[in-house]
Amino acid sequence: MRNILMTVMMLVVVIVLFNSIIAKDKTGTSSQIETQGAAANTKIGALLP
């Protein structure tokens, strides 16, 4: 029973960390990747003749 409780608690911690670090709206990692990708696409588009 204790092992199951520890496993569930660890899963909750992982989910909370994922939501607070990766999936945050404006400052999350995924949004920063999208912003940097858009900037790179703009720079690459400007290089084409």
N, C-alpha and C. Protein backbone atom coordinates (compact mmCIF):
# COMPACT_ATOMS: atom_id res chain seq x y z
N MET A 1 0.82 -1.20 0.00
CA MET A 1 0.00 0.00 0.00
C MET A 1 0.86 1.26 0.00
N ARG A 2 1.94 1.21 0.77
CA ARG A 2 2.83 2.38 0.84
C ARG A 2 3.51 2.63 -0.50
N ASN A 3 3.87 1.58 -1.20
CA ASN A 3 4.51 1.74 -2.51
C ASN A 3 3.56 2.39 -3.51
N ILE A 4 2.30 2.02 -3.47
CA ILE A 4 1.32 2.61 -4.38
C ILE A 4 1.14 4.08 -4.06
N LEU A 5 1.08 4.42 -2.79
CA LEU A 5 0.94 5.82 -2.39
C LEU A 5 2.13 6.65 -2.85
N MET A 6 3.33 6.12 -2.67
CA MET A 6 4.53 6.84 -3.10
C MET A 6 4.54 7.03 -4.62
N THR A 7 4.11 6.02 -5.35
CA THR A 7 4.06 6.12 -6.81
C THR A 7 3.07 7.18 -7.25
N VAL A 8 1.91 7.20 -6.65
CA VAL A 8 0.89 8.19 -6.99
C VAL A 8 1.37 9.60 -6.66
N MET A 9 1.99 9.76 -5.51
CA MET A 9 2.51 11.09 -5.13
C MET A 9 3.60 11.56 -6.09
N MET A 10 4.47 10.66 -6.51
CA MET A 10 5.51 11.03 -7.47
C MET A 10 4.91 11.43 -8.81
N LEU A 11 3.88 10.72 -9.24
CA LEU A 11 3.21 11.08 -10.49
C LEU A 11 2.57 12.46 -10.39
N VAL A 12 1.97 12.77 -9.26
CA VAL A 12 1.38 14.10 -9.06
C VAL A 12 2.45 15.17 -9.13
N VAL A 13 3.58 14.93 -8.50
CA VAL A 13 4.68 15.90 -8.53
C VAL A 13 5.17 16.10 -9.96
N VAL A 14 5.32 15.05 -10.71
CA VAL A 14 5.78 15.15 -12.10
C VAL A 14 4.78 15.95 -12.94
N ILE A 15 3.50 15.71 -12.75
CA ILE A 15 2.48 16.43 -13.51
C ILE A 15 2.50 17.92 -13.17
N VAL A 16 2.62 18.23 -11.89
CA VAL A 16 2.67 19.64 -11.47
C VAL A 16 3.90 20.32 -12.04
N LEU A 17 5.05 19.67 -11.98
CA LEU A 17 6.27 20.25 -12.53
C LEU A 17 6.16 20.45 -14.04
N PHE A 18 5.58 19.47 -14.73
CA PHE A 18 5.41 19.60 -16.17
C PHE A 18 4.55 20.80 -16.51
N ASN A 19 3.44 20.95 -15.79
CA ASN A 19 2.54 22.07 -16.06
C ASN A 19 3.17 23.41 -15.73
N SER A 20 4.00 23.47 -14.71
CA SER A 20 4.57 24.75 -14.32
C SER A 20 5.81 25.11 -15.12
N ILE A 21 6.51 24.14 -15.69
CA ILE A 21 7.74 24.44 -16.43
C ILE A 21 7.52 24.39 -17.94
N ILE A 22 6.93 23.35 -18.44
CA ILE A 22 6.83 23.13 -19.87
C ILE A 22 5.61 23.81 -20.48
N ALA A 23 4.46 23.62 -19.90
CA ALA A 23 3.21 23.99 -20.55
C ALA A 23 2.66 25.34 -20.13
N LYS A 24 3.43 26.16 -19.44
CA LYS A 24 2.95 27.48 -19.04
C LYS A 24 2.68 28.33 -20.27
N ASP A 25 1.68 29.20 -20.20
CA ASP A 25 1.20 29.92 -21.38
C ASP A 25 2.28 30.79 -22.05
N LYS A 26 2.78 31.79 -21.36
CA LYS A 26 3.68 32.76 -21.98
C LYS A 26 5.15 32.48 -21.71
N THR A 27 5.47 31.88 -20.57
CA THR A 27 6.88 31.71 -20.20
C THR A 27 7.32 30.26 -20.19
N GLY A 28 6.48 29.36 -20.64
CA GLY A 28 6.84 27.94 -20.65
C GLY A 28 7.84 27.61 -21.75
N THR A 29 8.47 26.48 -21.62
CA THR A 29 9.48 26.06 -22.58
C THR A 29 8.89 25.90 -23.98
N SER A 30 7.71 25.33 -24.10
CA SER A 30 7.13 25.12 -25.43
C SER A 30 6.83 26.46 -26.11
N SER A 31 6.38 27.44 -25.37
CA SER A 31 6.11 28.75 -25.97
C SER A 31 7.41 29.43 -26.37
N GLN A 32 8.47 29.26 -25.60
CA GLN A 32 9.77 29.84 -25.97
C GLN A 32 10.33 29.18 -27.22
N ILE A 33 10.12 27.88 -27.35
CA ILE A 33 10.57 27.16 -28.55
C ILE A 33 9.82 27.67 -29.78
N GLU A 34 8.51 27.89 -29.64
CA GLU A 34 7.72 28.41 -30.76
C GLU A 34 8.20 29.81 -31.15
N THR A 35 8.49 30.66 -30.16
CA THR A 35 8.95 32.01 -30.44
C THR A 35 10.29 31.99 -31.16
N GLN A 36 11.22 31.18 -30.68
CA GLN A 36 12.53 31.09 -31.32
C GLN A 36 12.42 30.50 -32.72
N GLY A 37 11.52 29.53 -32.90
CA GLY A 37 11.33 28.94 -34.23
C GLY A 37 10.77 29.95 -35.21
N ALA A 38 9.83 30.78 -34.76
CA ALA A 38 9.28 31.82 -35.63
C ALA A 38 10.35 32.84 -36.00
N ALA A 39 11.19 33.21 -35.04
CA ALA A 39 12.27 34.15 -35.33
C ALA A 39 13.26 33.55 -36.33
N ALA A 40 13.57 32.27 -36.17
CA ALA A 40 14.49 31.61 -37.11
C ALA A 40 13.88 31.54 -38.50
N ASN A 41 12.59 31.24 -38.60
CA ASN A 41 11.94 31.20 -39.90
C ASN A 41 11.95 32.55 -40.57
N THR A 42 11.77 33.62 -39.81
CA THR A 42 11.81 34.96 -40.36
C THR A 42 13.20 35.28 -40.89
N LYS A 43 14.23 34.94 -40.13
CA LYS A 43 15.61 35.21 -40.57
C LYS A 43 15.96 34.41 -41.81
N ILE A 44 15.53 33.13 -41.84
CA ILE A 44 15.81 32.30 -43.01
C ILE A 44 15.06 32.82 -44.23
N GLY A 45 13.84 33.26 -44.03
CA GLY A 45 13.06 33.84 -45.13
C GLY A 45 13.69 35.11 -45.68
N ALA A 46 14.34 35.89 -44.82
CA ALA A 46 15.00 37.11 -45.26
C ALA A 46 16.26 36.82 -46.06
N LEU A 47 16.86 35.65 -45.87
CA LEU A 47 18.08 35.30 -46.58
C LEU A 47 17.82 34.89 -48.03
N LEU A 48 16.63 34.39 -48.29
CA LEU A 48 16.31 33.92 -49.63
C LEU A 48 16.22 35.10 -50.60
N PRO A 49 16.76 34.95 -51.81
CA PRO A 49 16.72 36.08 -52.77
C PRO A 49 15.34 36.31 -53.35
